[in-house]
Amino acid sequence: MRFIKIIISTIIVLLGIVFIIENLEMLKHAISIKLDLYFFTFQTPDIHLWVIVLFAFFLGVFTASLYGIYEVFSQRQTIRQLRHNLEILASELKQASATAESSAATSQSRVAPSSE
């Protein structure tokens, strides 16, 4: 499964690079991003559009990776809790079987017929 994920992610990265190469003429335009708050103004220097597209692409990959990591950790925690519950149930089952065996042995000794 991990091998398939690597292949798919490599194909996605290659498609992103092919998109940039095929549209390089359109993506060479320089733009400036401006953030204007009431008390603060921020403006970037001129940046090529392909750099912004590439940045947005990798930001999306990074965000999806963070979500995947979160899911893995939550699944590991669930597995850990379930294993702990399984150990508790196994010990309770051993105690119950031991109790049942001891009660069966005592009931057989009480019911033993007297031979006269």
PDB file of N, CA and C in Angstrom:
ATOM      1  N   MET A   1       0.820  -1.191   0.000  1.00  0.00           N
ATOM      2  CA  MET A   1       0.000   0.000   0.000  1.00  0.00           C
ATOM      3  C   MET A   1       0.864   1.254   0.000  1.00  0.00           C
ATOM      4  N   ARG A   2       1.948   1.219   0.759  1.00  0.00           N
ATOM      5  CA  ARG A   2       2.834   2.373   0.811  1.00  0.00           C
ATOM      6  C   ARG A   2       3.475   2.618  -0.555  1.00  0.00           C
ATOM      7  N   PHE A   3       3.769   1.542  -1.273  1.00  0.00           N
ATOM      8  CA  PHE A   3       4.359   1.652  -2.594  1.00  0.00           C
ATOM      9  C   PHE A   3       3.401   2.366  -3.555  1.00  0.00           C
ATOM     10  N   ILE A   4       2.116   2.055  -3.445  1.00  0.00           N
ATOM     11  CA  ILE A   4       1.108   2.688  -4.303  1.00  0.00           C
ATOM     12  C   ILE A   4       0.994   4.167  -3.972  1.00  0.00           C
ATOM     13  N   LYS A   5       1.065   4.534  -2.689  1.00  0.00           N
ATOM     14  CA  LYS A   5       1.001   5.937  -2.293  1.00  0.00           C
ATOM     15  C   LYS A   5       2.182   6.718  -2.867  1.00  0.00           C
ATOM     16  N   ILE A   6       3.343   6.113  -2.852  1.00  0.00           N
ATOM     17  CA  ILE A   6       4.529   6.779  -3.395  1.00  0.00           C
ATOM     18  C   ILE A   6       4.369   7.001  -4.896  1.00  0.00           C
ATOM     19  N   ILE A   7       3.861   6.013  -5.595  1.00  0.00           N
ATOM     20  CA  ILE A   7       3.662   6.144  -7.041  1.00  0.00           C
ATOM     21  C   ILE A   7       2.641   7.238  -7.343  1.00  0.00           C
ATOM     22  N   ILE A   8       1.534   7.252  -6.617  1.00  0.00           N
ATOM     23  CA  ILE A   8       0.497   8.255  -6.866  1.00  0.00           C
ATOM     24  C   ILE A   8       1.001   9.652  -6.549  1.00  0.00           C
ATOM     25  N   SER A   9       1.715   9.816  -5.445  1.00  0.00           N
ATOM     26  CA  SER A   9       2.231  11.143  -5.105  1.00  0.00           C
ATOM     27  C   SER A   9       3.287  11.606  -6.107  1.00  0.00           C
ATOM     28  N   THR A  10       4.086  10.695  -6.626  1.00  0.00           N
ATOM     29  CA  THR A  10       5.063  11.057  -7.654  1.00  0.00           C
ATOM     30  C   THR A  10       4.361  11.499  -8.932  1.00  0.00           C
ATOM     31  N   ILE A  11       3.303  10.826  -9.305  1.00  0.00           N
ATOM     32  CA  ILE A  11       2.547  11.201 -10.499  1.00  0.00           C
ATOM     33  C   ILE A  11       1.920  12.580 -10.324  1.00  0.00           C
ATOM     34  N   ILE A  12       1.392  12.863  -9.133  1.00  0.00           N
ATOM     35  CA  ILE A  12       0.788  14.174  -8.885  1.00  0.00           C
ATOM     36  C   ILE A  12       1.830  15.283  -8.974  1.00  0.00           C
ATOM     37  N   VAL A  13       2.999  15.057  -8.394  1.00  0.00           N
ATOM     38  CA  VAL A  13       4.075  16.062  -8.476  1.00  0.00           C
ATOM     39  C   VAL A  13       4.500  16.263  -9.925  1.00  0.00           C
ATOM     40  N   LEU A  14       4.641  15.184 -10.669  1.00  0.00           N
ATOM     41  CA  LEU A  14       5.019  15.314 -12.085  1.00  0.00           C
ATOM     42  C   LEU A  14       3.956  16.054 -12.886  1.00  0.00           C
ATOM     43  N   LEU A  15       2.688  15.813 -12.594  1.00  0.00           N
ATOM     44  CA  LEU A  15       1.626  16.546 -13.284  1.00  0.00           C
ATOM     45  C   LEU A  15       1.690  18.046 -12.969  1.00  0.00           C
ATOM     46  N   GLY A  16       1.991  18.386 -11.722  1.00  0.00           N
ATOM     47  CA  GLY A  16       2.151  19.793 -11.356  1.00  0.00           C
ATOM     48  C   GLY A  16       3.306  20.439 -12.101  1.00  0.00           C
ATOM     49  N   ILE A  17       4.417  19.733 -12.222  1.00  0.00           N
ATOM     50  CA  ILE A  17       5.575  20.267 -12.944  1.00  0.00           C
ATOM     51  C   ILE A  17       5.273  20.398 -14.432  1.00  0.00           C
ATOM     52  N   VAL A  18       4.594  19.411 -15.009  1.00  0.00           N
ATOM     53  CA  VAL A  18       4.213  19.479 -16.424  1.00  0.00           C
ATOM     54  C   VAL A  18       3.266  20.650 -16.657  1.00  0.00           C
ATOM     55  N   PHE A  19       2.337  20.906 -15.745  1.00  0.00           N
ATOM     56  CA  PHE A  19       1.435  22.041 -15.863  1.00  0.00           C
ATOM     57  C   PHE A  19       2.213  23.342 -15.915  1.00  0.00           C
ATOM     58  N   ILE A  20       3.205  23.475 -15.049  1.00  0.00           N
ATOM     59  CA  ILE A  20       4.004  24.704 -15.028  1.00  0.00           C
ATOM     60  C   ILE A  20       4.822  24.834 -16.306  1.00  0.00           C
ATOM     61  N   ILE A  21       5.410  23.754 -16.777  1.00  0.00           N
ATOM     62  CA  ILE A  21       6.229  23.821 -17.995  1.00  0.00           C
ATOM     63  C   ILE A  21       5.372  24.153 -19.207  1.00  0.00           C
ATOM     64  N   GLU A  22       4.199  23.541 -19.304  1.00  0.00           N
ATOM     65  CA  GLU A  22       3.327  23.783 -20.461  1.00  0.00           C
ATOM     66  C   GLU A  22       2.754  25.197 -20.476  1.00  0.00           C
ATOM     67  N   ASN A  23       2.563  25.782 -19.327  1.00  0.00           N
ATOM     68  CA  ASN A  23       1.973  27.116 -19.240  1.00  0.00           C
ATOM     69  C   ASN A  23       2.978  28.151 -18.760  1.00  0.00           C
ATOM     70  N   LEU A  24       4.232  27.940 -19.037  1.00  0.00           N
ATOM     71  CA  LEU A  24       5.281  28.805 -18.514  1.00  0.00           C
ATOM     72  C   LEU A  24       5.152  30.234 -19.027  1.00  0.00           C
ATOM     73  N   GLU A  25       4.738  30.397 -20.267  1.00  0.00           N
ATOM     74  CA  GLU A  25       4.610  31.742 -20.823  1.00  0.00           C
ATOM     75  C   GLU A  25       3.553  32.541 -20.069  1.00  0.00           C
ATOM     76  N   MET A  26       2.428  31.896 -19.760  1.00  0.00           N
ATOM     77  CA  MET A  26       1.374  32.583 -19.012  1.00  0.00           C
ATOM     78  C   MET A  26       1.779  32.789 -17.550  1.00  0.00           C
ATOM     79  N   LEU A  27       2.555  31.866 -17.024  1.00  0.00           N
ATOM     80  CA  LEU A  27       2.912  31.925 -15.611  1.00  0.00           C
ATOM     81  C   LEU A  27       4.143  32.788 -15.337  1.00  0.00           C
ATOM     82  N   LYS A  28       4.732  33.356 -16.380  1.00  0.00           N
ATOM     83  CA  LYS A  28       5.896  34.215 -16.171  1.00  0.00           C
ATOM     84  C   LYS A  28       5.518  35.636 -15.791  1.00  0.00           C
ATOM     85  N   HIS A  29       4.254  35.966 -15.826  1.00  0.00           N
ATOM     86  CA  HIS A  29       3.829  37.310 -15.447  1.00  0.00           C
ATOM     87  C   HIS A  29       4.137  37.533 -13.977  1.00  0.00           C
ATOM     88  N   ALA A  30       4.684  38.691 -13.700  1.00  0.00           N
ATOM     89  CA  ALA A  30       5.014  39.027 -12.319  1.00  0.00           C
ATOM     90  C   ALA A  30       3.822  39.738 -11.685  1.00  0.00           C
ATOM     91  N   ILE A  31       3.480  39.293 -10.490  1.00  0.00           N
ATOM     92  CA  ILE A  31       2.387  39.935  -9.763  1.00  0.00           C
ATOM     93  C   ILE A  31       2.870  40.275  -8.361  1.00  0.00           C
ATOM     94  N   SER A  32       2.133  41.146  -7.710  1.00  0.00           N
ATOM     95  CA  SER A  32       2.450  41.540  -6.351  1.00  0.00           C
ATOM     96  C   SER A  32       1.209  41.329  -5.493  1.00  0.00           C
ATOM     97  N   ILE A  33       1.389  40.716  -4.361  1.00  0.00           N
ATOM     98  CA  ILE A  33       0.277  40.447  -3.452  1.00  0.00           C
ATOM     99  C   ILE A  33       0.274  41.529  -2.381  1.00  0.00           C
ATOM    100  N   LYS A  34      -0.901  42.101  -2.147  1.00  0.00           N
ATOM    101  CA  LYS A  34      -1.017  43.187  -1.184  1.00  0.00           C
ATOM    102  C   LYS A  34      -2.059  42.829  -0.132  1.00  0.00           C
ATOM    103  N   LEU A  35      -1.684  42.989   1.135  1.00  0.00           N
ATOM    104  CA  LEU A  35      -2.575  42.776   2.263  1.00  0.00           C
ATOM    105  C   LEU A  35      -2.742  44.119   2.956  1.00  0.00           C
ATOM    106  N   ASP A  36      -3.957  44.646   2.920  1.00  0.00           N
ATOM    107  CA  ASP A  36      -4.201  45.970   3.476  1.00  0.00           C
ATOM    108  C   ASP A  36      -5.181  45.864   4.639  1.00  0.00           C
ATOM    109  N   LEU A  37      -4.642  45.917   5.829  1.00  0.00           N
ATOM    110  CA  LEU A  37      -5.455  45.985   7.033  1.00  0.00           C
ATOM    111  C   LEU A  37      -5.573  47.459   7.416  1.00  0.00           C
ATOM    112  N   TYR A  38      -6.452  47.777   8.318  1.00  0.00           N
ATOM    113  CA  TYR A  38      -6.636  49.181   8.672  1.00  0.00           C
ATOM    114  C   TYR A  38      -5.411  49.799   9.328  1.00  0.00           C
ATOM    115  N   PHE A  39      -4.697  49.015  10.053  1.00  0.00           N
ATOM    116  CA  PHE A  39      -3.546  49.539  10.787  1.00  0.00           C
ATOM    117  C   PHE A  39      -2.209  49.049  10.251  1.00  0.00           C
ATOM    118  N   PHE A  40      -2.238  48.175   9.278  1.00  0.00           N
ATOM    119  CA  PHE A  40      -0.997  47.598   8.755  1.00  0.00           C
ATOM    120  C   PHE A  40      -1.172  47.260   7.281  1.00  0.00           C
ATOM    121  N   THR A  41      -0.174  47.579   6.488  1.00  0.00           N
ATOM    122  CA  THR A  41      -0.198  47.253   5.066  1.00  0.00           C
ATOM    123  C   THR A  41       1.044  46.437   4.735  1.00  0.00           C
ATOM    124  N   PHE A  42       0.825  45.345   4.023  1.00  0.00           N
ATOM    125  CA  PHE A  42       1.934  44.485   3.618  1.00  0.00           C
ATOM    126  C   PHE A  42       1.838  44.252   2.121  1.00  0.00           C
ATOM    127  N   GLN A  43       2.954  44.415   1.425  1.00  0.00           N
ATOM    128  CA  GLN A  43       2.979  44.180  -0.017  1.00  0.00           C
ATOM    129  C   GLN A  43       4.256  43.423  -0.367  1.00  0.00           C
ATOM    130  N   THR A  44       4.083  42.368  -1.139  1.00  0.00           N
ATOM    131  CA  THR A  44       5.236  41.568  -1.537  1.00  0.00           C
ATOM    132  C   THR A  44       5.922  42.219  -2.735  1.00  0.00           C
ATOM    133  N   PRO A  45       7.167  41.898  -2.927  1.00  0.00           N
ATOM    134  CA  PRO A  45       7.802  42.333  -4.182  1.00  0.00           C
ATOM    135  C   PRO A  45       7.203  41.547  -5.350  1.00  0.00           C
ATOM    136  N   ASP A  46       7.523  41.916  -6.563  1.00  0.00           N
ATOM    137  CA  ASP A  46       6.991  41.222  -7.735  1.00  0.00           C
ATOM    138  C   ASP A  46       7.470  39.764  -7.741  1.00  0.00           C
ATOM    139  N   ILE A  47       6.506  38.866  -7.875  1.00  0.00           N
ATOM    140  CA  ILE A  47       6.791  37.431  -7.881  1.00  0.00           C
ATOM    141  C   ILE A  47       6.177  36.844  -9.137  1.00  0.00           C
ATOM    142  N   HIS A  48       6.883  35.913  -9.770  1.00  0.00           N
ATOM    143  CA  HIS A  48       6.320  35.223 -10.923  1.00  0.00           C
ATOM    144  C   HIS A  48       5.141  34.367 -10.476  1.00  0.00           C
ATOM    145  N   LEU A  49       4.163  34.270 -11.340  1.00  0.00           N
ATOM    146  CA  LEU A  49       2.951  33.524 -11.015  1.00  0.00           C
ATOM    147  C   LEU A  49       3.240  32.033 -10.819  1.00  0.00           C
ATOM    148  N   TRP A  50       4.223  31.477 -11.526  1.00  0.00           N
ATOM    149  CA  TRP A  50       4.523  30.056 -11.387  1.00  0.00           C
ATOM    150  C   TRP A  50       5.049  29.735  -9.994  1.00  0.00           C
ATOM    151  N   VAL A  51       5.720  30.700  -9.365  1.00  0.00           N
ATOM    152  CA  VAL A  51       6.211  30.491  -8.001  1.00  0.00           C
ATOM    153  C   VAL A  51       5.028  30.403  -7.039  1.00  0.00           C
ATOM    154  N   ILE A  52       4.029  31.245  -7.249  1.00  0.00           N
ATOM    155  CA  ILE A  52       2.845  31.225  -6.382  1.00  0.00           C
ATOM    156  C   ILE A  52       2.054  29.937  -6.586  1.00  0.00           C
ATOM    157  N   VAL A  53       1.920  29.500  -7.836  1.00  0.00           N
ATOM    158  CA  VAL A  53       1.207  28.251  -8.113  1.00  0.00           C
ATOM    159  C   VAL A  53       1.939  27.074  -7.469  1.00  0.00           C
ATOM    160  N   LEU A  54       3.244  27.039  -7.607  1.00  0.00           N
ATOM    161  CA  LEU A  54       4.033  25.970  -7.008  1.00  0.00           C
ATOM    162  C   LEU A  54       3.936  25.999  -5.481  1.00  0.00           C
ATOM    163  N   PHE A  55       3.969  27.195  -4.902  1.00  0.00           N
ATOM    164  CA  PHE A  55       3.833  27.340  -3.457  1.00  0.00           C
ATOM    165  C   PHE A  55       2.466  26.850  -2.982  1.00  0.00           C
ATOM    166  N   ALA A  56       1.411  27.224  -3.705  1.00  0.00           N
ATOM    167  CA  ALA A  56       0.058  26.782  -3.339  1.00  0.00           C
ATOM    168  C   ALA A  56      -0.066  25.264  -3.450  1.00  0.00           C
ATOM    169  N   PHE A  57       0.546  24.698  -4.464  1.00  0.00           N
ATOM    170  CA  PHE A  57       0.517  23.245  -4.650  1.00  0.00           C
ATOM    171  C   PHE A  57       1.165  22.530  -3.463  1.00  0.00           C
ATOM    172  N   PHE A  58       2.372  22.965  -3.107  1.00  0.00           N
ATOM    173  CA  PHE A  58       3.067  22.306  -2.002  1.00  0.00           C
ATOM    174  C   PHE A  58       2.432  22.620  -0.652  1.00  0.00           C
ATOM    175  N   LEU A  59       1.779  23.769  -0.530  1.00  0.00           N
ATOM    176  CA  LEU A  59       1.034  24.055   0.693  1.00  0.00           C
ATOM    177  C   LEU A  59      -0.134  23.090   0.839  1.00  0.00           C
ATOM    178  N   GLY A  60      -0.792  22.771  -0.259  1.00  0.00           N
ATOM    179  CA  GLY A  60      -1.871  21.783  -0.230  1.00  0.00           C
ATOM    180  C   GLY A  60      -1.357  20.397   0.109  1.00  0.00           C
ATOM    181  N   VAL A  61      -0.222  20.021  -0.446  1.00  0.00           N
ATOM    182  CA  VAL A  61       0.379  18.718  -0.135  1.00  0.00           C
ATOM    183  C   VAL A  61       0.756  18.650   1.350  1.00  0.00           C
ATOM    184  N   PHE A  62       1.322  19.735   1.862  1.00  0.00           N
ATOM    185  CA  PHE A  62       1.715  19.793   3.267  1.00  0.00           C
ATOM    186  C   PHE A  62       0.497  19.684   4.182  1.00  0.00           C
ATOM    187  N   THR A  63      -0.564  20.400   3.841  1.00  0.00           N
ATOM    188  CA  THR A  63      -1.785  20.350   4.647  1.00  0.00           C
ATOM    189  C   THR A  63      -2.393  18.952   4.643  1.00  0.00           C
ATOM    190  N   ALA A  64      -2.444  18.324   3.481  1.00  0.00           N
ATOM    191  CA  ALA A  64      -2.975  16.960   3.403  1.00  0.00           C
ATOM    192  C   ALA A  64      -2.095  15.990   4.185  1.00  0.00           C
ATOM    193  N   SER A  65      -0.798  16.197   4.178  1.00  0.00           N
ATOM    194  CA  SER A  65       0.113  15.340   4.946  1.00  0.00           C
ATOM    195  C   SER A  65      -0.115  15.490   6.446  1.00  0.00           C
ATOM    196  N   LEU A  66      -0.335  16.723   6.895  1.00  0.00           N
ATOM    197  CA  LEU A  66      -0.614  16.934   8.310  1.00  0.00           C
ATOM    198  C   LEU A  66      -1.889  16.223   8.727  1.00  0.00           C
ATOM    199  N   TYR A  67      -2.907  16.272   7.884  1.00  0.00           N
ATOM    200  CA  TYR A  67      -4.146  15.568   8.187  1.00  0.00           C
ATOM    201  C   TYR A  67      -3.909  14.056   8.232  1.00  0.00           C
ATOM    202  N   GLY A  68      -3.115  13.546   7.297  1.00  0.00           N
ATOM    203  CA  GLY A  68      -2.793  12.117   7.292  1.00  0.00           C
ATOM    204  C   GLY A  68      -2.044  11.700   8.537  1.00  0.00           C
ATOM    205  N   ILE A  69      -1.107  12.526   8.982  1.00  0.00           N
ATOM    206  CA  ILE A  69      -0.349  12.221  10.197  1.00  0.00           C
ATOM    207  C   ILE A  69      -1.276  12.210  11.408  1.00  0.00           C
ATOM    208  N   TYR A  70      -2.204  13.169  11.466  1.00  0.00           N
ATOM    209  CA  TYR A  70      -3.175  13.210  12.556  1.00  0.00           C
ATOM    210  C   TYR A  70      -4.021  11.936  12.577  1.00  0.00           C
ATOM    211  N   GLU A  71      -4.465  11.491  11.413  1.00  0.00           N
ATOM    212  CA  GLU A  71      -5.268  10.275  11.332  1.00  0.00           C
ATOM    213  C   GLU A  71      -4.476   9.057  11.800  1.00  0.00           C
ATOM    214  N   VAL A  72      -3.218   8.974  11.426  1.00  0.00           N
ATOM    215  CA  VAL A  72      -2.376   7.841  11.843  1.00  0.00           C
ATOM    216  C   VAL A  72      -2.227   7.821  13.359  1.00  0.00           C
ATOM    217  N   PHE A  73      -1.971   8.988  13.964  1.00  0.00           N
ATOM    218  CA  PHE A  73      -1.825   9.033  15.413  1.00  0.00           C
ATOM    219  C   PHE A  73      -3.120   8.680  16.126  1.00  0.00           C
ATOM    220  N   SER A  74      -4.242   9.153  15.618  1.00  0.00           N
ATOM    221  CA  SER A  74      -5.512   8.823  16.267  1.00  0.00           C
ATOM    222  C   SER A  74      -5.826   7.329  16.119  1.00  0.00           C
ATOM    223  N   GLN A  75      -5.498   6.735  14.988  1.00  0.00           N
ATOM    224  CA  GLN A  75      -5.712   5.300  14.808  1.00  0.00           C
ATOM    225  C   GLN A  75      -4.800   4.494  15.729  1.00  0.00           C
ATOM    226  N   ARG A  76      -3.569   4.930  15.897  1.00  0.00           N
ATOM    227  CA  ARG A  76      -2.652   4.238  16.812  1.00  0.00           C
ATOM    228  C   ARG A  76      -3.168   4.298  18.245  1.00  0.00           C
ATOM    229  N   GLN A  77      -3.717   5.452  18.623  1.00  0.00           N
ATOM    230  CA  GLN A  77      -4.259   5.579  19.965  1.00  0.00           C
ATOM    231  C   GLN A  77      -5.460   4.659  20.147  1.00  0.00           C
ATOM    232  N   THR A  78      -6.317   4.568  19.147  1.00  0.00           N
ATOM    233  CA  THR A  78      -7.469   3.673  19.216  1.00  0.00           C
ATOM    234  C   THR A  78      -7.018   2.225  19.312  1.00  0.00           C
ATOM    235  N   ILE A  79      -6.021   1.847  18.520  1.00  0.00           N
ATOM    236  CA  ILE A  79      -5.496   0.481  18.568  1.00  0.00           C
ATOM    237  C   ILE A  79      -4.913   0.183  19.946  1.00  0.00           C
ATOM    238  N   ARG A  80      -4.199   1.139  20.514  1.00  0.00           N
ATOM    239  CA  ARG A  80      -3.621   0.962  21.842  1.00  0.00           C
ATOM    240  C   ARG A  80      -4.718   0.750  22.890  1.00  0.00           C
ATOM    241  N   GLN A  81      -5.779   1.538  22.822  1.00  0.00           N
ATOM    242  CA  GLN A  81      -6.886   1.386  23.767  1.00  0.00           C
ATOM    243  C   GLN A  81      -7.578   0.036  23.589  1.00  0.00           C
ATOM    244  N   LEU A  82      -7.780  -0.389  22.351  1.00  0.00           N
ATOM    245  CA  LEU A  82      -8.432  -1.670  22.101  1.00  0.00           C
ATOM    246  C   LEU A  82      -7.578  -2.843  22.581  1.00  0.00           C
ATOM    247  N   ARG A  83      -6.266  -2.749  22.397  1.00  0.00           N
ATOM    248  CA  ARG A  83      -5.383  -3.812  22.899  1.00  0.00           C
ATOM    249  C   ARG A  83      -5.425  -3.882  24.418  1.00  0.00           C
ATOM    250  N   HIS A  84      -5.471  -2.716  25.059  1.00  0.00           N
ATOM    251  CA  HIS A  84      -5.561  -2.680  26.513  1.00  0.00           C
ATOM    252  C   HIS A  84      -6.870  -3.315  26.972  1.00  0.00           C
ATOM    253  N   ASN A  85      -7.966  -2.979  26.304  1.00  0.00           N
ATOM    254  CA  ASN A  85      -9.258  -3.587  26.631  1.00  0.00           C
ATOM    255  C   ASN A  85      -9.225  -5.096  26.409  1.00  0.00           C
ATOM    256  N   LEU A  86      -8.562  -5.540  25.357  1.00  0.00           N
ATOM    257  CA  LEU A  86      -8.443  -6.970  25.077  1.00  0.00           C
ATOM    258  C   LEU A  86      -7.665  -7.683  26.175  1.00  0.00           C
ATOM    259  N   GLU A  87      -6.597  -7.068  26.658  1.00  0.00           N
ATOM    260  CA  GLU A  87      -5.832  -7.661  27.754  1.00  0.00           C
ATOM    261  C   GLU A  87      -6.678  -7.765  29.021  1.00  0.00           C
ATOM    262  N   ILE A  88      -7.466  -6.741  29.315  1.00  0.00           N
ATOM    263  CA  ILE A  88      -8.336  -6.776  30.488  1.00  0.00           C
ATOM    264  C   ILE A  88      -9.365  -7.893  30.353  1.00  0.00           C
ATOM    265  N   LEU A  89      -9.979  -8.001  29.179  1.00  0.00           N
ATOM    266  CA  LEU A  89     -10.979  -9.047  28.962  1.00  0.00           C
ATOM    267  C   LEU A  89     -10.361 -10.441  29.027  1.00  0.00           C
ATOM    268  N   ALA A  90      -9.144 -10.594  28.519  1.00  0.00           N
ATOM    269  CA  ALA A  90      -8.477 -11.900  28.582  1.00  0.00           C
ATOM    270  C   ALA A  90      -8.198 -12.292  30.025  1.00  0.00           C
ATOM    271  N   SER A  91      -7.752 -11.344  30.834  1.00  0.00           N
ATOM    272  CA  SER A  91      -7.491 -11.663  32.242  1.00  0.00           C
ATOM    273  C   SER A  91      -8.793 -11.985  32.975  1.00  0.00           C
ATOM    274  N   GLU A  92      -9.879 -11.250  32.658  1.00  0.00           N
ATOM    275  CA  GLU A  92     -11.171 -11.565  33.276  1.00  0.00           C
ATOM    276  C   GLU A  92     -11.671 -12.946  32.851  1.00  0.00           C
ATOM    277  N   LEU A  93     -11.433 -13.318  31.614  1.00  0.00           N
ATOM    278  CA  LEU A  93     -11.838 -14.634  31.126  1.00  0.00           C
ATOM    279  C   LEU A  93     -11.051 -15.739  31.830  1.00  0.00           C
ATOM    280  N   LYS A  94      -9.756 -15.529  32.041  1.00  0.00           N
ATOM    281  CA  LYS A  94      -8.947 -16.515  32.762  1.00  0.00           C
ATOM    282  C   LYS A  94      -9.436 -16.670  34.196  1.00  0.00           C
ATOM    283  N   GLN A  95      -9.767 -15.553  34.837  1.00  0.00           N
ATOM    284  CA  GLN A  95     -10.272 -15.613  36.211  1.00  0.00           C
ATOM    285  C   GLN A  95     -11.616 -16.333  36.261  1.00  0.00           C
ATOM    286  N   ALA A  96     -12.482 -16.050  35.275  1.00  0.00           N
ATOM    287  CA  ALA A  96     -13.798 -16.691  35.256  1.00  0.00           C
ATOM    288  C   ALA A  96     -13.674 -18.192  35.014  1.00  0.00           C
ATOM    289  N   SER A  97     -12.766 -18.593  34.131  1.00  0.00           N
ATOM    290  CA  SER A  97     -12.606 -20.030  33.877  1.00  0.00           C
ATOM    291  C   SER A  97     -11.991 -20.730  35.082  1.00  0.00           C
ATOM    292  N   ALA A  98     -11.080 -20.065  35.754  1.00  0.00           N
ATOM    293  CA  ALA A  98     -10.488 -20.657  36.954  1.00  0.00           C
ATOM    294  C   ALA A  98     -11.542 -20.793  38.047  1.00  0.00           C
ATOM    295  N   THR A  99     -12.388 -19.795  38.181  1.00  0.00           N
ATOM    296  CA  THR A  99     -13.466 -19.852  39.174  1.00  0.00           C
ATOM    297  C   THR A  99     -14.456 -20.952  38.828  1.00  0.00           C
ATOM    298  N   ALA A 100     -14.785 -21.086  37.550  1.00  0.00           N
ATOM    299  CA  ALA A 100     -15.723 -22.120  37.116  1.00  0.00           C
ATOM    300  C   ALA A 100     -15.146 -23.510  37.361  1.00  0.00           C
ATOM    301  N   GLU A 101     -13.858 -23.703  37.105  1.00  0.00           N
ATOM    302  CA  GLU A 101     -13.225 -25.000  37.340  1.00  0.00           C
ATOM    303  C   GLU A 101     -13.202 -25.343  38.822  1.00  0.00           C
ATOM    304  N   SER A 102     -12.900 -24.357  39.637  1.00  0.00           N
ATOM    305  CA  SER A 102     -12.848 -24.634  41.084  1.00  0.00           C
ATOM    306  C   SER A 102     -14.244 -24.904  41.644  1.00  0.00           C
ATOM    307  N   SER A 103     -15.255 -24.187  41.147  1.00  0.00           N
ATOM    308  CA  SER A 103     -16.618 -24.436  41.632  1.00  0.00           C
ATOM    309  C   SER A 103     -17.130 -25.778  41.123  1.00  0.00           C
ATOM    310  N   ALA A 104     -16.740 -26.176  39.923  1.00  0.00           N
ATOM    311  CA  ALA A 104     -17.144 -27.489  39.402  1.00  0.00           C
ATOM    312  C   ALA A 104     -16.480 -28.596  40.200  1.00  0.00           C
ATOM    313  N   ALA A 105     -15.249 -28.427  40.604  1.00  0.00           N
ATOM    314  CA  ALA A 105     -14.541 -29.445  41.389  1.00  0.00           C
ATOM    315  C   ALA A 105     -15.149 -29.578  42.777  1.00  0.00           C
ATOM    316  N   THR A 106     -15.512 -28.474  43.385  1.00  0.00           N
ATOM    317  CA  THR A 106     -16.124 -28.541  44.719  1.00  0.00           C
ATOM    318  C   THR A 106     -17.527 -29.117  44.647  1.00  0.00           C
ATOM    319  N   SER A 107     -18.278 -28.837  43.600  1.00  0.00           N
ATOM    320  CA  SER A 107     -19.629 -29.391  43.488  1.00  0.00           C
ATOM    321  C   SER A 107     -19.564 -30.891  43.216  1.00  0.00           C
ATOM    322  N   GLN A 108     -18.558 -31.383  42.511  1.00  0.00           N
ATOM    323  CA  GLN A 108     -18.422 -32.826  42.265  1.00  0.00           C
ATOM    324  C   GLN A 108     -18.048 -33.541  43.555  1.00  0.00           C
ATOM    325  N   SER A 109     -17.261 -32.919  44.393  1.00  0.00           N
ATOM    326  CA  SER A 109     -16.875 -33.579  45.648  1.00  0.00           C
ATOM    327  C   SER A 109     -18.060 -33.614  46.617  1.00  0.00           C
ATOM    328  N   ARG A 110     -18.958 -32.690  46.565  1.00  0.00           N
ATOM    329  CA  ARG A 110     -20.122 -32.662  47.428  1.00  0.00           C
ATOM    330  C   ARG A 110     -21.173 -33.668  46.958  1.00  0.00           C
ATOM    331  N   VAL A 111     -21.297 -33.872  45.656  1.00  0.00           N
ATOM    332  CA  VAL A 111     -22.323 -34.719  45.090  1.00  0.00           C
ATOM    333  C   VAL A 111     -21.838 -36.167  45.020  1.00  0.00           C
ATOM    334  N   ALA A 112     -20.652 -36.445  45.380  1.00  0.00           N
ATOM    335  CA  ALA A 112     -20.111 -37.801  45.266  1.00  0.00           C
ATOM    336  C   ALA A 112     -20.990 -38.766  46.066  1.00  0.00           C
ATOM    337  N   PRO A 113     -21.441 -39.833  45.440  1.00  0.00           N
ATOM    338  CA  PRO A 113     -22.350 -40.779  46.123  1.00  0.00           C
ATOM    339  C   PRO A 113     -21.588 -41.568  47.189  1.00  0.00           C
ATOM    340  N   SER A 114     -22.286 -41.833  48.247  1.00  0.00           N
ATOM    341  CA  SER A 114     -21.667 -42.634  49.313  1.00  0.00           C
ATOM    342  C   SER A 114     -21.932 -44.109  49.032  1.00  0.00           C
ATOM    343  N   SER A 115     -20.957 -44.912  49.130  1.00  0.00           N
ATOM    344  CA  SER A 115     -21.108 -46.332  48.840  1.00  0.00           C
ATOM    345  C   SER A 115     -21.215 -47.098  50.148  1.00  0.00           C
ATOM    346  N   GLU A 116     -22.419 -47.596  50.432  1.00  0.00           N
ATOM    347  CA  GLU A 116     -22.634 -48.370  51.647  1.00  0.00           C
ATOM    348  C   GLU A 116     -23.132 -49.729  51.354  1.00  0.00           C
TER     349      GLU A 116
END
